[in-house]
Amino acid sequence: MQDKDAIIKQLTEENKQLREYIKLLEERIARLERNSSNSSKPPSSDIINPKPANKKKRKRKRGGQFGHKKHSRKPFAPEQIDKTIIHELPDKEVHRRNLTPLNKTESALQQVDLPKKLYNVIEHRVQLYVDPSGNIIKAKLPKEIRKEGFFTCRMTAFVGYLKARCHMSYSTIAGLFDDIMELPISQSYLVKCCNKKLLPSLVPAYSDALKYIRNAAIVGTDETGHKDSGNKNWTWCQHADDVVFFRICNSRGSKILFENLGKDFNAILLADFFSANRMFVRLTGSKVQWCWAHLVRDIKFIAQLGAGNVQRWADRLLGIVKKMLKTWRKGKRTKYFRKKLEDLKKLFLASVMRPPDHRECRKIKKRFVGKDRDGYFLFLEVDGVEPTNNSTEQKIRFVVLDRRVTQGTNSDAGMRFYERIWTVVASCICQNKNIFKFLTQSLKAHYANTQPPSIIPAT
């Protein structure tokens, strides 16, 4: 009888150990399966992109949809046409059918072609004079033309456009000049165009963007890591209205936020729950809206850990968040909707403060203890505040794509060029400004010492 009890006790203990081991394995598997949908990992880090679940809704065909108005390109105006080719019937057919040609034609097709030579060579000559003493006097070349050098402002801006907007490496740009334009250009000269010419011309726009960000009412912030010459660096992004500001540095700490936004920052910050952001908010006393998208992804990860009570708790939180955001998106600021949102807020807090006995669940609870709790619900109180930081994340995705393609820079000058031209490109995209024209005007203003174009949106 004693042996039987001992065996039962031993098996019970082994069963308990096996359950704990299985639970540990499930958590490790869940951690290995972390992706952009259940964590803060970027989509580019997903090794396998799972297909979305089949929806009951019938898949729409590509292209124009039935019942929708057709969108066609507007034909070029007669003054925009550079060359006209008239196609005639063969003379034999004209005689056979006894046709008489009319003194008019009809447009059948408009084509766009590349000119055989894609660049113009401009030679600047100076007039020679002779004085009464027989000395030769030369006219002076304008300083702005002399500063331009081999490439005009438009050609230098073109190089910068290819580099930043098109994510092209210097070797790829050199290949484009050689293969398509039939103009061999060394990579070192392309580097000079960016780091020696465009870089100083974009300083005014870069300074204005930083000043605008510091004085904005709502500022979104995010950062992404990358390597330059084997060293770990971070690109910080601050975004307000239609102005985007980038800065590359070797720190991910809160000191960068203080340097970018200032110690007296008192606007509303949209950010994820990263420690540097929390320290900045705590030391400045500014208002903050923590990103719900990051929180939802963390809760989704908890829902995949496998434990029954943990999964039920996470699913309940996700359901409440979905209702709350859906109600908020309706945008009706009536008394009924405000009460409904307040009830959902209380329901969420009541649930999140009673987590199961699990480490990941306790982490989520900790976010809603103390002053950090208010930072998750600011969007319910202040108009114009988004519940997520998705807008800034979208702006910084441009940088991630560029780093993936070009593999970064090899010098400090290269990093300074990138942070300035990224600021210009991203801001111009937000404001629907022509990037190429902005770069060209910046160069001309820099060489002629005149007023540069403004990166600040017109009010």
Protein backbone atom coordinates (compact mmCIF):
# COMPACT_ATOMS: atom_id res chain seq x y z
CA MET A 1 0.00 0.00 0.00
CA GLN A 2 2.86 2.32 0.84
CA ASP A 3 4.51 1.52 -2.51
CA LYS A 4 1.27 2.40 -4.30
CA ASP A 5 1.02 5.78 -2.56
CA ALA A 6 4.68 6.47 -3.32
CA ILE A 7 4.17 5.65 -7.00
CA ILE A 8 1.08 7.91 -7.19
CA LYS A 9 3.00 10.72 -5.52
CA GLN A 10 5.94 10.24 -7.91
CA LEU A 11 3.68 10.18 -10.99
CA THR A 12 1.82 13.27 -9.78
CA GLU A 13 5.10 15.11 -9.36
CA GLU A 14 6.32 13.99 -12.78
CA ASN A 15 3.02 15.04 -14.34
CA LYS A 16 3.35 18.48 -12.74
CA GLN A 17 6.91 18.82 -14.06
CA LEU A 18 5.83 17.74 -17.55
CA ARG A 19 3.03 20.30 -17.58
CA GLU A 20 5.43 23.05 -16.59
CA TYR A 21 7.87 21.85 -19.25
CA ILE A 22 5.14 21.82 -21.92
CA LYS A 23 4.06 25.30 -20.86
CA LEU A 24 7.67 26.49 -21.12
CA LEU A 25 8.02 24.94 -24.59
CA GLU A 26 4.80 26.58 -25.77
CA GLU A 27 6.05 29.97 -24.62
CA ARG A 28 9.40 29.45 -26.34
CA ILE A 29 7.64 28.43 -29.56
CA ALA A 30 5.40 31.51 -29.30
CA ARG A 31 8.49 33.72 -28.87
CA LEU A 32 10.14 32.14 -31.91
CA GLU A 33 6.99 32.80 -33.93
CA ARG A 34 6.94 36.49 -33.07
CA ASN A 35 6.37 38.64 -36.14
CA SER A 36 5.15 42.10 -37.06
CA SER A 37 1.53 41.21 -36.21
CA ASN A 38 2.13 40.23 -32.57
CA SER A 39 5.18 42.30 -31.62
CA SER A 40 7.00 45.51 -32.42
CA LYS A 41 9.18 43.77 -35.00
CA PRO A 42 9.12 45.47 -38.43
CA PRO A 43 7.37 43.68 -41.34
CA SER A 44 10.73 43.37 -43.11
CA SER A 45 11.92 40.97 -40.37
CA ASP A 46 9.17 38.43 -41.07
CA ILE A 47 10.74 35.32 -42.55
CA ILE A 48 7.42 33.86 -43.58
CA ASN A 49 4.40 35.99 -44.38
CA PRO A 50 1.34 33.86 -43.58
CA LYS A 51 -1.58 34.17 -45.96
CA PRO A 52 -4.54 36.04 -44.51
CA ALA A 53 -7.54 33.99 -43.49
CA ASN A 54 -10.10 33.44 -46.23
CA LYS A 55 -12.89 35.96 -46.02
CA LYS A 56 -16.47 35.25 -46.96
CA LYS A 57 -16.53 38.40 -49.05
CA ARG A 58 -15.94 37.70 -52.74
CA LYS A 59 -12.52 38.84 -53.95
CA ARG A 60 -12.65 41.86 -56.19
CA LYS A 61 -11.09 41.62 -59.65
CA ARG A 62 -8.13 43.77 -60.54
CA GLY A 63 -8.51 46.93 -62.57
CA GLY A 64 -11.59 49.04 -63.19
CA GLN A 65 -14.74 48.01 -61.34
CA PHE A 66 -18.18 47.66 -62.86
CA GLY A 67 -20.25 50.80 -62.45
CA HIS A 68 -17.22 53.03 -61.79
CA LYS A 69 -16.25 55.89 -64.07
CA LYS A 70 -13.29 55.10 -66.32
CA HIS A 71 -10.12 57.12 -65.64
CA SER A 72 -8.00 57.81 -68.71
CA ARG A 73 -4.96 60.00 -69.25
CA LYS A 74 -5.81 63.40 -70.66
CA PRO A 75 -4.34 63.82 -74.19
CA PHE A 76 -1.42 66.21 -74.65
CA ALA A 77 -2.30 69.67 -75.91
CA PRO A 78 -1.11 70.62 -79.45
CA GLU A 79 1.58 72.93 -78.00
CA GLN A 80 2.98 70.02 -75.97
CA ILE A 81 3.57 67.83 -79.04
CA ASP A 82 7.17 67.90 -80.27
CA LYS A 83 6.85 65.75 -83.37
CA THR A 84 3.94 64.67 -85.58
CA ILE A 85 4.03 61.69 -87.95
CA ILE A 86 1.25 61.36 -90.56
CA HIS A 87 0.51 57.84 -91.79
CA GLU A 88 -1.01 57.52 -95.28
CA LEU A 89 -2.51 54.70 -97.31
CA PRO A 90 -0.31 53.20 -100.08
CA ASP A 91 -0.64 54.96 -103.46
CA LYS A 92 -1.92 51.77 -105.13
CA GLU A 93 -4.85 51.52 -102.71
CA VAL A 94 -5.64 55.22 -103.12
CA HIS A 95 -5.86 54.80 -106.93
CA ARG A 96 -7.71 51.49 -106.71
CA ARG A 97 -10.41 52.90 -104.45
CA ASN A 98 -10.42 56.28 -106.20
CA LEU A 99 -9.79 58.15 -102.92
CA THR A 100 -9.22 61.87 -102.59
CA PRO A 101 -7.07 62.98 -99.62
CA LEU A 102 -8.61 65.64 -97.39
CA ASN A 103 -6.70 68.58 -96.02
CA LYS A 104 -6.98 67.26 -92.43
CA THR A 105 -5.86 64.38 -90.24
CA GLU A 106 -7.10 62.65 -87.11
CA SER A 107 -5.20 61.77 -83.95
CA ALA A 108 -4.82 57.99 -83.60
CA LEU A 109 -2.16 57.59 -80.91
CA GLN A 110 0.08 59.74 -78.75
CA GLN A 111 3.44 58.26 -77.69
CA VAL A 112 6.06 59.40 -75.22
CA ASP A 113 9.67 58.74 -76.21
CA LEU A 114 13.11 59.42 -74.78
CA PRO A 115 15.27 61.83 -76.76
CA LYS A 116 18.40 60.27 -78.21
CA LYS A 117 20.56 62.56 -76.10
CA LEU A 118 19.38 63.04 -72.52
CA TYR A 119 21.65 65.92 -71.57
CA ASN A 120 22.86 69.26 -72.87
CA VAL A 121 26.49 70.32 -72.81
CA ILE A 122 26.85 74.02 -71.96
CA GLU A 123 30.14 75.78 -72.57
CA HIS A 124 30.63 79.09 -70.78
CA ARG A 125 33.03 81.40 -72.57
CA VAL A 126 34.36 84.72 -71.31
CA GLN A 127 34.91 87.74 -73.51
CA LEU A 128 38.49 88.87 -73.93
CA TYR A 129 39.44 92.54 -73.95
CA VAL A 130 42.64 94.45 -74.50
CA ASP A 131 43.54 97.63 -72.63
CA PRO A 132 45.56 100.55 -74.06
CA SER A 133 48.73 98.95 -72.69
CA GLY A 134 48.11 95.78 -74.66
CA ASN A 135 47.16 93.65 -71.65
CA ILE A 136 44.48 90.98 -72.13
CA ILE A 137 41.49 91.39 -69.79
CA LYS A 138 39.03 88.54 -69.27
CA ALA A 139 35.38 88.89 -68.31
CA LYS A 140 34.48 87.19 -65.03
CA LEU A 141 32.43 84.04 -64.84
CA PRO A 142 29.42 84.55 -62.47
CA LYS A 143 30.22 83.04 -59.07
CA GLU A 144 27.02 80.96 -58.95
CA ILE A 145 27.94 79.30 -62.25
CA ARG A 146 31.51 78.73 -61.12
CA LYS A 147 30.26 77.09 -57.90
CA GLU A 148 28.00 74.75 -59.83
CA GLY A 149 31.02 73.07 -61.42
CA PHE A 150 30.70 70.25 -63.94
CA PHE A 151 27.03 69.57 -63.11
CA THR A 152 24.43 72.32 -63.17
CA CYS A 153 21.96 72.67 -60.29
CA ARG A 154 19.42 70.56 -62.14
CA MET A 155 21.89 67.73 -62.75
CA THR A 156 23.10 67.79 -59.13
CA ALA A 157 19.48 67.77 -57.94
CA PHE A 158 18.85 64.85 -60.27
CA VAL A 159 21.64 62.86 -58.60
CA GLY A 160 20.21 63.66 -55.16
CA TYR A 161 16.72 62.65 -56.31
CA LEU A 162 17.98 59.29 -57.57
CA LYS A 163 19.92 58.73 -54.37
CA ALA A 164 17.18 59.58 -51.84
CA ARG A 165 13.82 59.29 -53.57
CA CYS A 166 14.68 56.27 -55.72
CA HIS A 167 16.86 54.47 -53.12
CA MET A 168 19.72 54.02 -55.61
CA SER A 169 23.31 53.29 -54.66
CA TYR A 170 26.13 55.31 -56.18
CA SER A 171 27.15 52.39 -58.38
CA THR A 172 23.58 52.07 -59.67
CA ILE A 173 23.40 55.81 -60.45
CA ALA A 174 26.74 55.57 -62.26
CA GLY A 175 25.34 52.65 -64.27
CA LEU A 176 22.25 54.69 -65.20
CA PHE A 177 24.40 57.58 -66.44
CA ASP A 178 26.60 55.19 -68.43
CA ASP A 179 23.93 52.88 -69.91
CA ILE A 180 21.00 55.21 -70.57
CA MET A 181 22.45 58.71 -70.75
CA GLU A 182 25.76 57.53 -72.29
CA LEU A 183 27.60 59.89 -69.96
CA PRO A 184 30.27 58.09 -67.88
CA ILE A 185 30.48 59.61 -64.39
CA SER A 186 32.72 58.40 -61.57
CA GLN A 187 31.16 57.35 -58.28
CA SER A 188 33.45 59.76 -56.42
CA TYR A 189 31.93 62.71 -58.30
CA LEU A 190 28.42 61.48 -57.47
CA VAL A 191 29.44 61.37 -53.80
CA LYS A 192 30.74 64.94 -54.15
CA CYS A 193 27.38 66.04 -55.61
CA CYS A 194 25.58 64.76 -52.52
CA ASN A 195 28.03 65.38 -49.66
CA LYS A 196 29.72 68.58 -50.87
CA LYS A 197 26.97 70.35 -52.84
CA LEU A 198 23.52 69.20 -51.81
CA LEU A 199 24.39 68.79 -48.12
CA PRO A 200 25.11 72.50 -47.38
CA SER A 201 22.24 73.67 -49.59
CA LEU A 202 19.69 71.77 -47.46
CA VAL A 203 20.83 73.20 -44.10
CA PRO A 204 18.20 76.01 -44.07
CA ALA A 205 15.34 73.58 -44.78
CA TYR A 206 16.65 71.17 -42.15
CA SER A 207 16.88 73.90 -39.51
CA ASP A 208 13.39 75.17 -40.33
CA ALA A 209 11.96 71.64 -40.04
CA LEU A 210 13.49 71.20 -36.57
CA LYS A 211 12.18 74.59 -35.45
CA TYR A 212 8.69 73.73 -36.73
CA ILE A 213 8.71 70.37 -34.91
CA ARG A 214 9.71 72.01 -31.62
CA ASN A 215 6.80 74.47 -31.82
CA ALA A 216 4.14 72.00 -32.98
CA ALA A 217 1.14 71.10 -30.80
CA ILE A 218 1.30 67.34 -31.47
CA VAL A 219 4.55 65.51 -32.31
CA GLY A 220 4.99 61.84 -33.20
CA THR A 221 8.34 60.16 -32.58
CA ASP A 222 9.92 56.85 -33.50
CA GLU A 223 13.37 55.41 -34.19
CA THR A 224 14.94 52.57 -36.16
CA GLY A 225 18.33 50.90 -35.85
CA HIS A 226 20.85 50.21 -38.61
CA LYS A 227 24.57 49.89 -39.22
CA ASP A 228 26.93 52.34 -40.89
CA SER A 229 30.45 51.09 -41.58
CA GLY A 230 29.77 48.26 -39.13
CA ASN A 231 28.79 50.62 -36.30
CA LYS A 232 25.31 50.58 -34.74
CA ASN A 233 23.39 53.79 -35.33
CA TRP A 234 19.83 55.00 -34.93
CA THR A 235 17.68 57.13 -37.18
CA TRP A 236 15.22 59.20 -35.14
CA CYS A 237 12.08 60.56 -36.74
CA GLN A 238 9.84 63.33 -35.43
CA HIS A 239 6.67 64.16 -37.31
CA ALA A 240 4.19 67.02 -36.96
CA ASP A 241 1.47 67.93 -39.46
CA ASP A 242 3.16 67.87 -42.88
CA VAL A 243 6.76 68.25 -41.70
CA VAL A 244 9.07 65.30 -41.00
CA PHE A 245 12.45 65.56 -39.29
CA PHE A 246 15.18 62.88 -39.34
CA ARG A 247 18.38 62.65 -37.36
CA ILE A 248 21.04 59.92 -37.42
CA CYS A 249 23.07 59.33 -34.24
CA ASN A 250 24.71 56.54 -32.26
CA SER A 251 22.30 56.68 -29.31
CA ARG A 252 18.79 55.43 -28.64
CA GLY A 253 18.56 57.22 -25.30
CA SER A 254 16.25 60.00 -24.15
CA LYS A 255 19.03 62.58 -24.55
CA ILE A 256 18.33 62.62 -28.30
CA LEU A 257 14.72 63.55 -27.63
CA PHE A 258 15.91 66.39 -25.40
CA GLU A 259 18.30 67.58 -28.12
CA ASN A 260 15.65 67.38 -30.86
CA LEU A 261 12.56 68.61 -29.01
CA GLY A 262 14.14 70.69 -26.26
CA LYS A 263 14.04 70.52 -22.48
CA ASP A 264 11.04 72.87 -22.35
CA PHE A 265 8.89 70.67 -24.61
CA ASN A 266 5.26 70.92 -23.47
CA ALA A 267 3.30 69.66 -26.48
CA ILE A 268 1.59 66.29 -26.89
CA LEU A 269 3.90 63.40 -27.78
CA LEU A 270 2.72 60.37 -29.77
CA ALA A 271 5.09 57.50 -29.01
CA ASP A 272 5.46 53.83 -28.21
CA PHE A 273 6.06 52.63 -24.64
CA PHE A 274 9.85 52.63 -25.05
CA SER A 275 11.92 53.51 -21.96
CA ALA A 276 13.56 56.57 -23.57
CA ASN A 277 10.14 58.01 -24.41
CA ARG A 278 8.86 57.35 -20.89
CA MET A 279 11.86 59.09 -19.32
CA PHE A 280 11.48 62.09 -21.64
CA VAL A 281 7.78 62.45 -20.74
CA ARG A 282 8.49 62.07 -17.03
CA LEU A 283 11.29 64.67 -16.97
CA THR A 284 9.54 67.25 -19.17
CA GLY A 285 6.08 66.75 -17.69
CA SER A 286 4.57 66.82 -21.18
CA LYS A 287 1.38 65.04 -22.20
CA VAL A 288 1.66 61.77 -24.11
CA GLN A 289 -0.47 59.37 -26.08
CA TRP A 290 1.02 55.89 -25.91
CA CYS A 291 0.57 53.84 -29.06
CA TRP A 292 -2.32 51.36 -28.88
CA ALA A 293 -1.06 49.51 -31.96
CA HIS A 294 2.07 48.43 -30.06
CA LEU A 295 -0.03 47.42 -27.06
CA VAL A 296 -2.43 45.40 -29.20
CA ARG A 297 0.46 43.51 -30.79
CA ASP A 298 1.86 42.67 -27.35
CA ILE A 299 -1.56 41.41 -26.20
CA LYS A 300 -1.90 39.34 -29.39
CA PHE A 301 1.40 37.67 -28.53
CA ILE A 302 0.08 36.80 -25.05
CA ALA A 303 -3.05 35.31 -26.65
CA GLN A 304 -0.81 32.88 -28.54
CA LEU A 305 1.02 31.57 -25.49
CA GLY A 306 -1.41 28.66 -25.17
CA ALA A 307 -2.51 28.77 -21.53
CA GLY A 308 -6.30 28.82 -21.26
CA ASN A 309 -6.77 31.55 -18.66
CA VAL A 310 -4.02 33.68 -20.22
CA GLN A 311 -5.56 33.39 -23.68
CA ARG A 312 -9.06 34.21 -22.42
CA TRP A 313 -7.74 37.29 -20.59
CA ALA A 314 -5.90 38.53 -23.69
CA ASP A 315 -8.87 37.88 -25.99
CA ARG A 316 -11.14 39.80 -23.63
CA LEU A 317 -8.79 42.81 -23.68
CA LEU A 318 -8.55 42.70 -27.47
CA GLY A 319 -12.33 42.63 -27.75
CA ILE A 320 -12.73 45.68 -25.51
CA VAL A 321 -10.01 47.60 -27.38
CA LYS A 322 -11.65 46.82 -30.72
CA LYS A 323 -15.01 48.16 -29.51
CA MET A 324 -13.41 51.25 -28.01
CA LEU A 325 -11.46 52.19 -31.13
CA LYS A 326 -14.43 51.42 -33.40
CA THR A 327 -16.68 53.67 -31.31
CA TRP A 328 -14.05 56.43 -31.29
CA ARG A 329 -13.57 56.22 -35.07
CA LYS A 330 -17.23 57.08 -35.61
CA GLY A 331 -16.25 60.56 -34.50
CA LYS A 332 -19.54 61.50 -32.90
CA ARG A 333 -18.89 63.65 -29.84
CA THR A 334 -22.39 63.31 -28.42
CA LYS A 335 -23.09 62.68 -24.76
CA TYR A 336 -24.13 59.11 -25.57
CA PHE A 337 -20.86 58.27 -27.31
CA ARG A 338 -18.75 59.91 -24.60
CA LYS A 339 -20.50 57.81 -21.96
CA LYS A 340 -20.04 54.67 -24.06
CA LEU A 341 -16.32 55.36 -24.45
CA GLU A 342 -15.98 56.05 -20.72
CA ASP A 343 -17.73 52.74 -19.93
CA LEU A 344 -15.40 50.85 -22.29
CA LYS A 345 -12.39 52.56 -20.69
CA LYS A 346 -13.52 51.48 -17.21
CA LEU A 347 -14.22 47.95 -18.46
CA PHE A 348 -10.73 47.71 -19.98
CA LEU A 349 -9.03 49.00 -16.83
CA ALA A 350 -11.02 46.61 -14.64
CA SER A 351 -9.90 43.68 -16.81
CA VAL A 352 -6.29 44.69 -17.31
CA MET A 353 -5.76 45.21 -13.57
CA ARG A 354 -6.78 41.59 -12.84
CA PRO A 355 -4.31 39.58 -14.93
CA PRO A 356 -3.61 35.83 -14.62
CA ASP A 357 -0.48 34.74 -12.78
CA HIS A 358 1.83 35.08 -15.77
CA ARG A 359 4.91 37.24 -16.31
CA GLU A 360 3.80 38.68 -19.67
CA CYS A 361 0.36 39.54 -18.30
CA ARG A 362 1.87 41.34 -15.34
CA LYS A 363 3.96 43.41 -17.76
CA ILE A 364 0.80 44.63 -19.45
CA LYS A 365 -0.77 45.46 -16.08
CA LYS A 366 2.30 47.47 -15.07
CA ARG A 367 1.70 49.87 -17.96
CA PHE A 368 -1.60 50.96 -16.40
CA VAL A 369 -0.26 51.63 -12.91
CA GLY A 370 0.40 55.25 -12.02
CA LYS A 371 0.56 58.19 -14.43
CA ASP A 372 1.32 56.02 -17.45
CA ARG A 373 -2.34 54.95 -17.43
CA ASP A 374 -3.54 58.42 -18.48
CA GLY A 375 -1.24 58.36 -21.49
CA TYR A 376 -3.26 55.59 -23.10
CA PHE A 377 -6.56 57.48 -23.02
CA LEU A 378 -5.57 61.01 -24.02
CA PHE A 379 -7.10 60.49 -27.50
CA LEU A 380 -10.53 60.21 -25.86
CA GLU A 381 -10.18 63.68 -24.35
CA VAL A 382 -8.26 65.78 -26.90
CA ASP A 383 -9.46 66.26 -30.47
CA GLY A 384 -6.83 65.65 -33.15
CA VAL A 385 -4.86 63.11 -31.12
CA GLU A 386 -4.59 59.70 -32.76
CA PRO A 387 -4.58 56.56 -30.59
CA THR A 388 -1.58 55.14 -32.48
CA ASN A 389 1.81 56.26 -33.69
CA ASN A 390 1.25 54.69 -37.10
CA SER A 391 1.71 57.96 -38.97
CA THR A 392 5.31 58.38 -37.78
CA GLU A 393 6.00 54.68 -38.38
CA GLN A 394 4.89 55.12 -41.98
CA LYS A 395 7.28 58.04 -42.41
CA ILE A 396 10.23 56.09 -41.01
CA ARG A 397 9.49 53.10 -43.26
CA PHE A 398 10.98 55.18 -46.07
CA VAL A 399 14.32 55.08 -44.22
CA VAL A 400 14.12 51.32 -43.62
CA LEU A 401 13.59 50.69 -47.34
CA ASP A 402 16.51 52.93 -48.25
CA ARG A 403 18.84 51.13 -45.81
CA ARG A 404 17.81 47.74 -47.16
CA VAL A 405 18.69 48.77 -50.72
CA THR A 406 21.73 51.03 -50.33
CA GLN A 407 23.34 49.34 -47.28
CA GLY A 408 23.95 52.63 -45.47
CA THR A 409 26.85 55.09 -45.58
CA ASN A 410 30.59 55.07 -44.97
CA SER A 411 31.18 58.54 -43.53
CA ASP A 412 29.76 61.14 -41.18
CA ALA A 413 29.18 63.45 -44.15
CA GLY A 414 27.09 60.72 -45.76
CA MET A 415 24.92 60.41 -42.64
CA ARG A 416 24.45 64.19 -42.46
CA PHE A 417 23.45 64.23 -46.14
CA TYR A 418 20.93 61.44 -45.61
CA GLU A 419 19.23 62.98 -42.59
CA ARG A 420 18.82 66.28 -44.42
CA ILE A 421 17.60 64.96 -47.73
CA TRP A 422 15.28 62.44 -46.01
CA THR A 423 13.78 65.38 -44.12
CA VAL A 424 13.22 67.27 -47.38
CA VAL A 425 11.90 64.29 -49.34
CA ALA A 426 9.47 63.12 -46.64
CA SER A 427 8.18 66.65 -45.99
CA CYS A 428 7.74 67.36 -49.72
CA ILE A 429 5.79 64.12 -50.13
CA CYS A 430 3.46 65.12 -47.26
CA GLN A 431 2.89 68.55 -48.83
CA ASN A 432 2.65 67.33 -52.46
CA LYS A 433 5.64 69.47 -53.38
CA ASN A 434 7.87 68.66 -56.34
CA ILE A 435 11.01 67.18 -54.75
CA PHE A 436 13.23 67.74 -57.79
CA LYS A 437 12.24 71.41 -58.05
CA PHE A 438 12.82 71.90 -54.31
CA LEU A 439 16.35 70.46 -54.55
CA THR A 440 17.12 72.57 -57.63
CA GLN A 441 15.86 75.78 -56.00
CA SER A 442 17.83 75.01 -52.81
CA LEU A 443 21.05 74.65 -54.80
CA LYS A 444 20.47 77.84 -56.79
CA ALA A 445 19.70 79.80 -53.61
CA HIS A 446 22.82 78.40 -51.92
CA TYR A 447 25.12 79.36 -54.82
CA ALA A 448 23.55 82.81 -55.35
CA ASN A 449 23.19 83.50 -51.59
CA THR A 450 19.46 84.23 -51.97
CA GLN A 451 16.34 83.15 -50.04
CA PRO A 452 15.98 79.32 -50.17
CA PRO A 453 12.62 77.57 -50.65
CA SER A 454 10.61 76.92 -47.51
CA ILE A 455 9.95 73.43 -46.19
CA ILE A 456 7.22 74.78 -43.90
CA PRO A 457 3.67 74.24 -45.27
CA ALA A 458 1.80 77.35 -46.32
CA THR A 459 -0.89 78.41 -43.87
